[in-house]
Amino acid sequence: MTIHYSDNSPSYEEEPQEKQADALFQESLQHFQNGKWQKAINGFQEVLRLQPAHAEAKAFLEEAHVKASLEQDKPKPKRFRFQGRLRYLLLALVAVTVILFLAVGARWAYARWIEPVRAAQQAAQHRSQLLEQAYKYLAAKDYAAAQEAFRTLLAEDPDNEEAQKGLAEAQAKAALAEQYAKAKEAIARQSWEEAASLLATIIAQDPNYGDVQAQQALVQKQLELRAWFDKAEAAYAAGNWQEAISLYETLRDMDAEYQKQSVSTRLFESYLKQGRSLIENTKGSSEAVQQAKELFQKALVLQPQHPQAVQELALAEKFLEGQKQLAQGNQEAARAALEWVCQQQPDYAGGSASALLKLASGGQATVQPSPTSQVTVTVASGETFHQQYAAAMQKGDSAIAAGDYAQAEQHYRQATLVAIHGGYDSARWLFVAYVKLGTAYAKSGKYEEGITAIQTAISIMTRSAVAIPTESYSPYIEAAERYVQEKDYHNAFVQYDQAVHIIGQKCNCGLEDWRLVP
């Protein structure tokens, strides 16, 4: 039997030719033991033809030649007759001698050639099994067991290259697995720098190890988000409200869930403070107040029931109305609007509200400040906020049906003030009120104001506690915004109308049959 070794793993196989040679060897050995030298010689020669390296066949062939040669040279004994029992005794003695000789020869041949070969085969098979088991452990990621198996094999065969390579691979993979476990633990603790360092070490050794690339992307994003958050917090702490707004909004666009509560609170406060700053620093510039108004509307989207935001928005709207009425020569209307502003906040816009009120009053105006600095909504005895909201909306609907858009605007604004008291339904109430307010603006030709009101309404429903997912109507919003940039307000309202119709169906707000298009 011949042993074949491969470069990758020890193995052996038995060829058909080898089986034929082994069978012929056994047959020739039988002839040798029976003293049939020529048959034995012929057989061993045939074995060597099949297996030239067959050591046992060579040895027995040489001995068979010697035996045959001795038998030919041995003088033939003289013939004489053995008489009786002596003849049989001599024959028996010869037979016993031959048997003993053959037994000793066979034993010697087995010990000399066959037994060492079998021992070598068994050792090779044992090493092959150890190597196979070690690689099974390695494939199963049981690196400790794999290392132990490779070491056991090397203890028996120190020069085994496969075992040496396997042990090195198992050690390397065990180290990577340990590094990966530490990285995951660092991620769980949100220790992003530590996790990034560990993942970089793994990637340098094996870029395709597990999901290390995905984990690195996650960590890098968290590091980026934290950097933006830290910048925003620094701007907020320094009172740079516009910079803080920009950073917080960018952070929210990157990941709406990152530090969600903190970002929402900081953004709300930044909207209010930046709006107030614009109004005070410009002493009520109409452009600045308009920008502040938009900031207050954004603040209300984040916290629809916050009275301070409602107050700031109402003050800005009344102040702008007073400026506009005064510019148009409607002093009575301007005085009514500015008186309300000064009642709530006498020094509004750095005193500009008081100055404009004096101008609208012919230079003489006395304003009694309101005992509270917050906008209040009074409810008649026995009347609920829901009833007052419904009444304001009904009056607005009647006014818009009659074509009195100014009255409609007034009633709908009153409805927005009442809506903040609607509890869980305040978002729906505000949505409907702002949609109808935007419609009134649009029908009276105030397209920009109408667009702003509609955008506020949609923002409330997409970011409030009863948020409506944007997937079904976002294409209409995007198209509308493009038209707004082009100042194509008619088509912008057409697109917003589609979005409002879809939201109205989903929130059951009673706007299914309402249309924005002027």
Protein backbone atom coordinates (compact mmCIF):
# COMPACT_ATOMS: atom_id res chain seq x y z
CA MET A 1 0.00 0.00 0.00
CA THR A 2 1.48 3.38 -1.05
CA ILE A 3 0.91 6.65 0.90
CA HIS A 4 0.25 9.80 -1.11
CA TYR A 5 0.74 13.19 0.59
CA SER A 6 -0.70 16.50 -0.69
CA ASP A 7 0.49 20.03 -0.01
CA ASN A 8 -2.69 20.98 1.82
CA SER A 9 -3.52 18.10 4.16
CA PRO A 10 -2.21 14.58 4.78
CA SER A 11 -4.22 11.82 3.12
CA TYR A 12 -3.69 8.48 1.51
CA GLU A 13 -5.51 6.37 -1.03
CA GLU A 14 -5.13 2.85 -2.35
CA GLU A 15 -4.84 2.46 -6.12
CA PRO A 16 -6.19 -0.65 -7.91
CA GLN A 17 -2.69 -1.49 -9.15
CA GLU A 18 -1.44 -1.57 -5.58
CA LYS A 19 -4.19 -3.99 -4.58
CA GLN A 20 -3.16 -6.29 -7.45
CA ALA A 21 0.46 -6.10 -6.34
CA ASP A 22 -0.44 -6.93 -2.72
CA ALA A 23 -2.49 -9.94 -3.78
CA LEU A 24 0.32 -11.20 -6.02
CA PHE A 25 2.82 -10.68 -3.20
CA GLN A 26 0.78 -12.85 -0.83
CA GLU A 27 0.50 -15.59 -3.46
CA SER A 28 4.25 -15.47 -4.16
CA LEU A 29 4.98 -15.57 -0.42
CA GLN A 30 2.91 -18.76 -0.22
CA HIS A 31 5.04 -20.31 -3.01
CA PHE A 32 8.16 -19.21 -1.15
CA GLN A 33 6.95 -20.86 2.04
CA ASN A 34 6.14 -24.05 0.13
CA GLY A 35 9.61 -24.12 -1.41
CA LYS A 36 8.36 -23.44 -4.93
CA TRP A 37 11.21 -21.16 -5.67
CA GLN A 38 10.67 -20.56 -9.36
CA LYS A 39 7.00 -19.70 -8.91
CA ALA A 40 7.94 -17.43 -6.03
CA ILE A 41 10.63 -15.76 -8.18
CA ASN A 42 8.19 -15.21 -11.03
CA GLY A 43 5.59 -13.77 -8.66
CA PHE A 44 7.97 -11.39 -6.88
CA GLN A 45 9.27 -10.18 -10.22
CA GLU A 46 5.71 -9.41 -11.31
CA VAL A 47 5.10 -7.55 -8.04
CA LEU A 48 8.20 -5.44 -8.66
CA ARG A 49 7.01 -4.74 -12.17
CA LEU A 50 3.79 -3.34 -10.74
CA GLN A 51 5.44 -1.71 -7.72
CA PRO A 52 9.19 -1.18 -8.30
CA ALA A 53 9.61 0.23 -4.79
CA HIS A 54 8.11 -2.81 -3.05
CA ALA A 55 10.82 -3.53 -0.44
CA GLU A 56 9.43 -6.87 0.77
CA ALA A 57 9.19 -8.22 -2.77
CA LYS A 58 12.84 -7.29 -3.42
CA ALA A 59 13.98 -8.99 -0.25
CA PHE A 60 12.04 -12.20 -0.86
CA LEU A 61 13.07 -12.25 -4.55
CA GLU A 62 16.74 -12.18 -3.60
CA GLU A 63 16.25 -14.90 -1.01
CA ALA A 64 14.23 -17.04 -3.47
CA HIS A 65 17.08 -16.77 -5.99
CA VAL A 66 19.52 -17.90 -3.31
CA LYS A 67 17.31 -20.81 -2.28
CA ALA A 68 16.83 -21.92 -5.88
CA SER A 69 20.55 -21.67 -6.53
CA LEU A 70 21.43 -23.72 -3.43
CA GLU A 71 18.94 -26.35 -4.33
CA GLN A 72 20.41 -26.73 -7.82
CA ASP A 73 24.02 -26.97 -6.50
CA LYS A 74 23.18 -29.37 -3.69
CA PRO A 75 24.40 -32.89 -4.56
CA LYS A 76 21.64 -35.32 -4.94
CA PRO A 77 21.68 -37.87 -2.13
CA LYS A 78 22.22 -41.40 -2.93
CA ARG A 79 19.14 -43.34 -3.13
CA PHE A 80 18.68 -45.87 -0.49
CA ARG A 81 15.66 -47.20 1.05
CA PHE A 82 14.49 -46.29 4.42
CA GLN A 83 12.89 -49.12 6.00
CA GLY A 84 9.83 -48.95 8.07
CA ARG A 85 9.29 -46.30 10.71
CA LEU A 86 12.70 -44.64 10.27
CA ARG A 87 11.66 -43.31 6.88
CA TYR A 88 8.50 -41.68 8.22
CA LEU A 89 10.35 -40.24 11.20
CA LEU A 90 12.87 -38.51 8.98
CA LEU A 91 10.10 -37.09 6.77
CA ALA A 92 8.28 -35.72 9.81
CA LEU A 93 11.46 -34.16 11.11
CA VAL A 94 12.07 -32.43 7.79
CA ALA A 95 8.48 -31.13 7.68
CA VAL A 96 8.71 -29.71 11.20
CA THR A 97 12.00 -28.04 10.36
CA VAL A 98 10.57 -26.47 7.23
CA ILE A 99 7.49 -25.21 9.08
CA LEU A 100 9.60 -23.69 11.84
CA PHE A 101 11.85 -22.04 9.30
CA LEU A 102 8.92 -20.58 7.41
CA ALA A 103 7.25 -19.32 10.60
CA VAL A 104 10.41 -17.61 11.78
CA GLY A 105 10.98 -16.11 8.32
CA ALA A 106 7.43 -14.81 8.10
CA ARG A 107 7.67 -13.31 11.56
CA TRP A 108 10.92 -11.61 10.70
CA ALA A 109 9.55 -10.25 7.42
CA TYR A 110 6.43 -8.88 9.12
CA ALA A 111 8.49 -7.13 11.80
CA ARG A 112 11.01 -5.90 9.26
CA TRP A 113 8.70 -4.41 6.61
CA ILE A 114 4.97 -4.70 7.16
CA GLU A 115 4.61 -3.53 10.78
CA PRO A 116 6.57 -0.23 10.32
CA VAL A 117 4.53 0.61 7.23
CA ARG A 118 1.25 0.10 9.06
CA ALA A 119 2.45 2.18 12.01
CA ALA A 120 3.41 5.01 9.65
CA GLN A 121 0.02 4.83 7.97
CA GLN A 122 -1.83 4.97 11.28
CA ALA A 123 0.25 7.94 12.45
CA ALA A 124 -0.44 9.80 9.20
CA GLN A 125 -4.15 9.09 9.50
CA HIS A 126 -4.19 10.34 13.10
CA ARG A 127 -2.46 13.59 12.10
CA SER A 128 -4.90 14.06 9.24
CA GLN A 129 -7.85 13.69 11.62
CA LEU A 130 -6.35 16.21 14.05
CA LEU A 131 -5.82 18.72 11.25
CA GLU A 132 -9.36 18.24 9.93
CA GLN A 133 -10.85 18.73 13.41
CA ALA A 134 -8.75 21.86 13.99
CA TYR A 135 -10.04 23.44 10.77
CA LYS A 136 -13.61 22.55 11.75
CA TYR A 137 -13.15 24.48 14.99
CA LEU A 138 -11.70 27.38 12.99
CA ALA A 139 -14.67 27.41 10.59
CA ALA A 140 -17.06 27.39 13.56
CA LYS A 141 -15.20 30.42 15.03
CA ASP A 142 -14.26 28.40 18.13
CA TYR A 143 -10.79 29.90 18.09
CA ALA A 144 -9.72 28.60 21.50
CA ALA A 145 -10.50 24.99 20.54
CA ALA A 146 -8.86 25.48 17.14
CA GLN A 147 -5.63 26.74 18.72
CA GLU A 148 -5.56 23.79 21.13
CA ALA A 149 -6.07 21.32 18.28
CA PHE A 150 -3.30 22.87 16.16
CA ARG A 151 -0.92 22.84 19.15
CA THR A 152 -1.66 19.16 19.80
CA LEU A 153 -0.80 18.34 16.19
CA LEU A 154 2.41 20.37 16.35
CA ALA A 155 3.43 18.53 19.50
CA GLU A 156 3.35 15.31 17.44
CA ASP A 157 4.63 16.83 14.20
CA PRO A 158 6.54 20.10 14.87
CA ASP A 159 7.38 20.61 11.18
CA ASN A 160 3.79 20.37 9.94
CA GLU A 161 3.36 23.53 7.84
CA GLU A 162 -0.42 23.24 7.65
CA ALA A 163 -0.65 23.15 11.43
CA GLN A 164 1.70 26.12 11.74
CA LYS A 165 -0.36 28.18 9.29
CA GLY A 166 -3.61 27.12 10.94
CA LEU A 167 -2.40 28.09 14.41
CA ALA A 168 -1.31 31.52 13.15
CA GLU A 169 -4.69 32.04 11.46
CA ALA A 170 -6.61 30.98 14.58
CA GLN A 171 -4.58 33.36 16.74
CA ALA A 172 -5.12 36.25 14.33
CA LYS A 173 -8.87 35.65 14.11
CA ALA A 174 -9.15 35.31 17.88
CA ALA A 175 -7.47 38.70 18.24
CA LEU A 176 -9.86 40.24 15.67
CA ALA A 177 -12.88 38.75 17.43
CA GLU A 178 -11.69 40.22 20.71
CA GLN A 179 -11.20 43.64 19.10
CA TYR A 180 -14.66 43.47 17.50
CA ALA A 181 -16.31 42.58 20.82
CA LYS A 182 -14.61 45.57 22.46
CA ALA A 183 -15.76 47.82 19.60
CA LYS A 184 -19.38 46.69 19.98
CA GLU A 185 -19.22 47.27 23.71
CA ALA A 186 -17.84 50.77 23.11
CA ILE A 187 -20.70 51.45 20.67
CA ALA A 188 -23.22 50.32 23.29
CA ARG A 189 -21.64 52.82 25.73
CA GLN A 190 -21.66 55.49 22.98
CA SER A 191 -17.89 55.86 23.37
CA TRP A 192 -17.56 56.80 19.72
CA GLU A 193 -13.84 57.70 19.65
CA GLU A 194 -12.88 54.42 21.30
CA ALA A 195 -15.15 52.47 18.93
CA ALA A 196 -13.71 54.29 15.91
CA SER A 197 -10.14 53.44 16.96
CA LEU A 198 -10.95 49.75 17.50
CA LEU A 199 -12.81 49.46 14.20
CA ALA A 200 -9.96 51.14 12.33
CA THR A 201 -7.56 48.54 13.77
CA ILE A 202 -9.81 45.70 12.59
CA ILE A 203 -10.23 47.17 9.09
CA ALA A 204 -6.47 47.60 8.73
CA GLN A 205 -6.09 43.84 9.27
CA ASP A 206 -9.23 42.59 7.52
CA PRO A 207 -11.44 45.15 5.67
CA ASN A 208 -14.14 42.50 5.07
CA TYR A 209 -14.38 41.24 8.64
CA GLY A 210 -18.06 40.71 9.52
CA ASP A 211 -20.08 43.94 9.36
CA VAL A 212 -17.15 46.09 10.42
CA GLN A 213 -17.68 48.49 7.49
CA ALA A 214 -21.31 49.11 8.49
CA GLN A 215 -20.31 49.59 12.12
CA GLN A 216 -17.63 52.08 11.12
CA ALA A 217 -20.18 54.04 9.04
CA LEU A 218 -22.52 54.12 12.05
CA VAL A 219 -19.77 55.38 14.34
CA GLN A 220 -18.60 58.01 11.85
CA LYS A 221 -22.16 59.31 11.51
CA GLN A 222 -22.53 59.52 15.28
CA LEU A 223 -19.25 61.42 15.53
CA GLU A 224 -20.43 63.81 12.81
CA LEU A 225 -23.81 64.29 14.49
CA ARG A 226 -22.16 64.99 17.83
CA ALA A 227 -19.82 67.52 16.21
CA TRP A 228 -22.81 69.38 14.75
CA PHE A 229 -24.64 69.19 18.09
CA ASP A 230 -21.62 70.55 19.98
CA LYS A 231 -21.34 73.45 17.51
CA ALA A 232 -25.04 74.19 17.87
CA GLU A 233 -24.82 74.07 21.67
CA ALA A 234 -21.85 76.45 21.60
CA ALA A 235 -23.75 78.90 19.39
CA TYR A 236 -26.80 78.64 21.66
CA ALA A 237 -24.71 79.26 24.79
CA ALA A 238 -23.12 82.30 23.12
CA GLY A 239 -26.53 83.74 22.19
CA ASN A 240 -25.88 83.42 18.45
CA TRP A 241 -29.48 82.47 17.78
CA GLN A 242 -29.40 82.48 13.98
CA GLU A 243 -26.28 80.30 13.88
CA ALA A 244 -27.82 77.99 16.48
CA ILE A 245 -31.00 77.72 14.39
CA SER A 246 -29.02 76.85 11.26
CA LEU A 247 -26.97 74.20 13.07
CA TYR A 248 -29.93 72.64 14.90
CA GLU A 249 -31.99 72.52 11.70
CA THR A 250 -29.12 70.90 9.81
CA LEU A 251 -28.72 68.38 12.62
CA ARG A 252 -32.44 67.59 12.54
CA ASP A 253 -32.30 67.07 8.76
CA MET A 254 -29.33 64.72 9.17
CA ASP A 255 -31.09 62.58 11.78
CA ALA A 256 -34.46 63.57 13.17
CA GLU A 257 -34.05 61.22 16.15
CA TYR A 258 -30.62 62.41 17.32
CA GLN A 259 -30.95 64.15 20.71
CA LYS A 260 -34.53 64.77 19.61
CA GLN A 261 -35.84 66.34 22.81
CA SER A 262 -32.82 68.58 23.34
CA VAL A 263 -32.73 69.73 19.71
CA SER A 264 -36.47 70.45 19.69
CA THR A 265 -36.29 72.45 22.93
CA ARG A 266 -33.21 74.42 21.90
CA LEU A 267 -34.64 75.10 18.44
CA PHE A 268 -37.92 76.33 19.90
CA GLU A 269 -36.11 78.72 22.24
CA SER A 270 -33.79 79.89 19.46
CA TYR A 271 -36.77 80.66 17.19
CA LEU A 272 -38.37 82.80 19.89
CA LYS A 273 -35.17 84.60 20.90
CA GLN A 274 -34.05 85.27 17.33
CA GLY A 275 -37.52 86.57 16.47
CA ARG A 276 -37.55 88.93 19.43
CA SER A 277 -34.00 90.02 18.64
CA LEU A 278 -34.94 90.87 15.04
CA ILE A 279 -37.90 92.97 16.18
CA GLU A 280 -36.04 94.81 18.95
CA ASN A 281 -32.77 95.42 17.10
CA THR A 282 -34.51 96.82 14.00
CA LYS A 283 -37.12 98.72 16.05
CA GLY A 284 -39.91 97.03 14.20
CA SER A 285 -38.69 97.01 10.60
CA SER A 286 -41.55 95.46 8.64
CA GLU A 287 -39.16 93.05 6.89
CA ALA A 288 -37.60 92.02 10.21
CA VAL A 289 -41.00 91.59 11.86
CA GLN A 290 -42.12 89.43 8.94
CA GLN A 291 -39.04 87.24 9.41
CA ALA A 292 -39.72 87.10 13.13
CA LYS A 293 -43.30 86.08 12.44
CA GLU A 294 -42.07 83.13 10.39
CA LEU A 295 -39.78 82.12 13.24
CA PHE A 296 -42.68 82.27 15.71
CA GLN A 297 -44.72 80.07 13.38
CA LYS A 298 -41.87 77.55 13.32
CA ALA A 299 -41.79 77.64 17.11
CA LEU A 300 -45.52 76.87 17.20
CA VAL A 301 -44.97 73.88 14.94
CA LEU A 302 -42.66 72.44 17.61
CA GLN A 303 -44.90 73.35 20.55
CA PRO A 304 -48.41 74.17 19.28
CA GLN A 305 -49.80 74.92 22.75
CA HIS A 306 -47.01 77.19 24.01
CA PRO A 307 -48.65 80.48 25.07
CA GLN A 308 -45.49 82.55 24.72
CA ALA A 309 -45.09 81.53 21.09
CA VAL A 310 -48.75 82.29 20.44
CA GLN A 311 -48.33 85.70 22.06
CA GLU A 312 -45.24 86.58 20.02
CA LEU A 313 -46.95 85.53 16.79
CA ALA A 314 -50.07 87.55 17.62
CA LEU A 315 -48.02 90.63 18.52
CA ALA A 316 -46.05 90.42 15.27
CA GLU A 317 -49.20 90.00 13.18
CA LYS A 318 -50.99 92.92 14.90
CA PHE A 319 -47.93 95.15 14.62
CA LEU A 320 -47.61 94.38 10.90
CA GLU A 321 -51.33 95.04 10.47
CA GLY A 322 -50.97 98.39 12.27
CA GLN A 323 -48.04 99.37 10.02
CA LYS A 324 -49.95 98.38 6.89
CA GLN A 325 -53.17 100.18 7.86
CA LEU A 326 -51.23 103.29 8.79
CA ALA A 327 -49.41 103.25 5.46
CA GLN A 328 -52.76 102.99 3.64
CA GLY A 329 -54.20 105.89 5.64
CA ASN A 330 -56.62 103.74 7.63
CA GLN A 331 -55.82 105.40 10.95
CA GLU A 332 -58.76 103.93 12.84
CA ALA A 333 -57.83 100.37 11.91
CA ALA A 334 -54.15 101.08 12.58
CA ARG A 335 -54.96 102.56 15.99
CA ALA A 336 -57.03 99.49 16.96
CA ALA A 337 -54.25 97.09 16.03
CA LEU A 338 -51.46 99.12 17.66
CA GLU A 339 -53.47 99.74 20.84
CA TRP A 340 -53.80 95.99 21.28
CA VAL A 341 -50.04 95.57 20.82
CA CYS A 342 -49.24 98.27 23.35
CA GLN A 343 -51.71 96.86 25.85
CA GLN A 344 -49.83 93.59 25.76
CA GLN A 345 -46.31 95.06 25.57
CA PRO A 346 -45.96 98.86 25.79
CA ASP A 347 -42.32 98.92 24.67
CA TYR A 348 -42.84 96.53 21.76
CA ALA A 349 -40.26 96.83 18.96
CA GLY A 350 -38.11 99.16 21.03
CA GLY A 351 -40.99 101.61 21.53
CA SER A 352 -41.90 101.70 17.84
CA ALA A 353 -45.41 100.39 18.53
CA SER A 354 -46.11 103.32 20.91
CA ALA A 355 -44.67 105.80 18.44
CA LEU A 356 -46.79 104.49 15.59
CA LEU A 357 -49.86 104.53 17.82
CA LYS A 358 -49.30 108.22 18.58
CA LEU A 359 -48.96 108.87 14.86
CA ALA A 360 -52.21 107.01 14.16
CA SER A 361 -53.93 108.94 16.96
CA GLY A 362 -52.86 112.35 15.71
CA GLY A 363 -50.03 112.61 18.16
CA GLN A 364 -52.10 111.88 21.25
CA ALA A 365 -52.45 108.32 22.50
CA THR A 366 -52.77 106.92 25.96
CA VAL A 367 -52.54 103.16 26.31
CA GLN A 368 -53.31 101.22 29.45
CA PRO A 369 -51.12 98.13 29.54
CA SER A 370 -52.82 94.78 29.94
CA PRO A 371 -52.38 93.39 33.50
CA THR A 372 -50.82 90.29 31.95
CA SER A 373 -48.20 90.03 29.27
CA GLN A 374 -49.72 86.95 27.70
CA VAL A 375 -52.37 86.65 25.04
CA THR A 376 -55.54 85.33 26.66
CA VAL A 377 -58.62 83.80 25.15
CA THR A 378 -61.78 84.38 27.16
CA VAL A 379 -64.64 81.93 27.08
CA ALA A 380 -68.22 82.94 27.85
CA SER A 381 -69.95 81.27 30.77
CA GLY A 382 -70.95 77.75 29.87
CA GLU A 383 -68.93 77.84 26.63
CA THR A 384 -66.01 75.50 25.93
CA PHE A 385 -62.89 76.22 23.87
CA HIS A 386 -64.19 73.76 21.33
CA GLN A 387 -67.42 75.73 21.03
CA GLN A 388 -65.56 79.04 20.70
CA TYR A 389 -63.24 77.51 18.10
CA ALA A 390 -66.20 76.14 16.17
CA ALA A 391 -67.97 79.53 16.34
CA ALA A 392 -64.90 81.39 15.04
CA MET A 393 -64.45 78.90 12.22
CA GLN A 394 -68.13 79.12 11.28
CA LYS A 395 -67.97 82.92 11.16
CA GLY A 396 -64.85 82.69 9.01
CA ASP A 397 -66.52 80.24 6.63
CA SER A 398 -69.58 82.53 6.32
CA ALA A 399 -67.37 85.55 5.66
CA ILE A 400 -65.32 83.79 3.00
CA ALA A 401 -68.51 82.53 1.33
CA ALA A 402 -69.77 86.13 1.24
CA GLY A 403 -66.49 87.33 -0.23
CA ASP A 404 -65.54 89.32 2.89
CA TYR A 405 -62.02 88.02 3.09
CA ALA A 406 -60.83 90.57 5.66
CA GLN A 407 -63.48 89.39 8.11
CA ALA A 408 -62.63 85.78 7.28
CA GLU A 409 -58.97 86.44 8.10
CA GLN A 410 -59.91 87.97 11.45
CA HIS A 411 -62.13 85.06 12.48
CA TYR A 412 -59.63 82.44 11.36
CA ARG A 413 -56.82 84.16 13.29
CA GLN A 414 -59.05 84.12 16.35
CA ALA A 415 -59.56 80.41 15.75
CA THR A 416 -55.78 79.82 15.73
CA LEU A 417 -55.54 81.50 19.14
CA VAL A 418 -58.30 79.31 20.56
CA ALA A 419 -56.86 76.17 18.94
CA ILE A 420 -53.88 75.99 21.28
CA HIS A 421 -56.27 75.05 24.08
CA GLY A 422 -57.53 72.02 22.19
CA GLY A 423 -55.32 69.51 24.03
CA TYR A 424 -54.48 66.49 21.90
CA ASP A 425 -56.62 67.93 19.06
CA SER A 426 -54.82 71.29 19.01
CA ALA A 427 -52.65 70.19 16.06
CA ARG A 428 -55.75 69.30 14.00
CA TRP A 429 -57.49 72.53 15.01
CA LEU A 430 -54.45 74.62 14.12
CA PHE A 431 -54.03 72.76 10.83
CA VAL A 432 -57.60 73.50 9.74
CA ALA A 433 -57.48 77.12 10.98
CA TYR A 434 -54.22 77.87 9.16
CA VAL A 435 -55.45 76.16 5.97
CA LYS A 436 -58.57 78.32 5.93
CA LEU A 437 -56.61 81.43 6.90
CA GLY A 438 -54.28 80.74 3.95
CA THR A 439 -57.29 80.34 1.69
CA ALA A 440 -58.70 83.71 2.82
CA TYR A 441 -55.32 85.36 2.15
CA ALA A 442 -55.14 83.78 -1.30
CA LYS A 443 -58.65 84.81 -2.28
CA SER A 444 -57.93 88.41 -1.29
CA GLY A 445 -54.74 88.43 -3.35
CA LYS A 446 -52.31 88.16 -0.43
CA TYR A 447 -50.52 85.23 -2.01
CA GLU A 448 -47.32 85.31 0.03
CA GLU A 449 -49.23 85.45 3.32
CA GLY A 450 -51.42 82.63 2.06
CA ILE A 451 -48.41 80.49 1.15
CA THR A 452 -46.89 81.07 4.62
CA ALA A 453 -50.13 80.08 6.36
CA ILE A 454 -50.47 76.88 4.28
CA GLN A 455 -46.83 75.95 4.92
CA THR A 456 -47.41 76.45 8.65
CA ALA A 457 -50.49 74.24 8.54
CA ILE A 458 -48.65 71.41 6.77
CA SER A 459 -45.63 71.70 9.09
CA ILE A 460 -47.92 71.33 12.11
CA MET A 461 -49.37 68.07 10.80
CA THR A 462 -46.01 66.60 9.79
CA ARG A 463 -44.17 67.36 13.04
CA SER A 464 -46.84 67.23 15.73
CA ALA A 465 -47.78 64.29 17.98
CA VAL A 466 -50.42 63.25 15.44
CA ALA A 467 -48.01 63.53 12.53
CA ILE A 468 -49.21 62.32 9.14
CA PRO A 469 -46.44 60.49 7.20
CA THR A 470 -45.23 62.55 4.24
CA GLU A 471 -44.70 59.77 1.70
CA SER A 472 -48.11 60.15 0.06
CA TYR A 473 -48.04 63.93 -0.40
CA SER A 474 -44.37 65.03 -0.34
CA PRO A 475 -44.19 65.21 -4.19
CA TYR A 476 -46.92 67.86 -4.14
CA ILE A 477 -45.07 69.84 -1.45
CA GLU A 478 -41.84 69.75 -3.46
CA ALA A 479 -43.62 70.86 -6.63
CA ALA A 480 -45.37 73.67 -4.75
CA GLU A 481 -42.09 74.95 -3.32
CA ARG A 482 -40.60 75.11 -6.81
CA TYR A 483 -43.54 77.20 -8.00
CA VAL A 484 -43.20 79.48 -4.95
CA GLN A 485 -39.56 80.16 -5.85
CA GLU A 486 -40.73 81.09 -9.36
CA LYS A 487 -43.51 83.24 -7.81
CA ASP A 488 -46.06 81.18 -9.75
CA TYR A 489 -48.51 81.32 -6.85
CA HIS A 490 -51.52 79.91 -8.70
CA ASN A 491 -49.78 76.61 -9.50
CA ALA A 492 -48.23 76.60 -6.03
CA PHE A 493 -51.71 76.69 -4.49
CA VAL A 494 -52.82 73.93 -6.89
CA GLN A 495 -50.05 71.67 -5.59
CA TYR A 496 -50.64 72.60 -1.94
CA ASP A 497 -54.32 71.89 -2.50
CA GLN A 498 -53.49 68.27 -3.41
CA ALA A 499 -51.32 67.86 -0.30
CA VAL A 500 -53.96 69.38 2.00
CA HIS A 501 -56.63 67.13 0.49
CA ILE A 502 -54.56 64.00 1.25
CA ILE A 503 -53.73 65.13 4.81
CA GLY A 504 -57.36 66.08 5.41
CA GLN A 505 -58.51 62.58 4.44
CA LYS A 506 -55.96 60.93 6.72
CA CYS A 507 -56.55 63.13 9.78
CA ASN A 508 -60.34 63.31 9.34
CA CYS A 509 -60.20 67.09 9.78
CA GLY A 510 -63.27 67.98 7.71
CA LEU A 511 -61.29 69.44 4.80
CA GLU A 512 -62.15 66.77 2.25
CA ASP A 513 -64.23 69.22 0.14
CA TRP A 514 -62.19 72.36 0.87
CA ARG A 515 -60.18 73.90 -1.95
CA LEU A 516 -57.32 76.42 -1.67
CA VAL A 517 -57.16 77.58 -5.26
CA PRO A 518 -58.16 81.26 -5.52
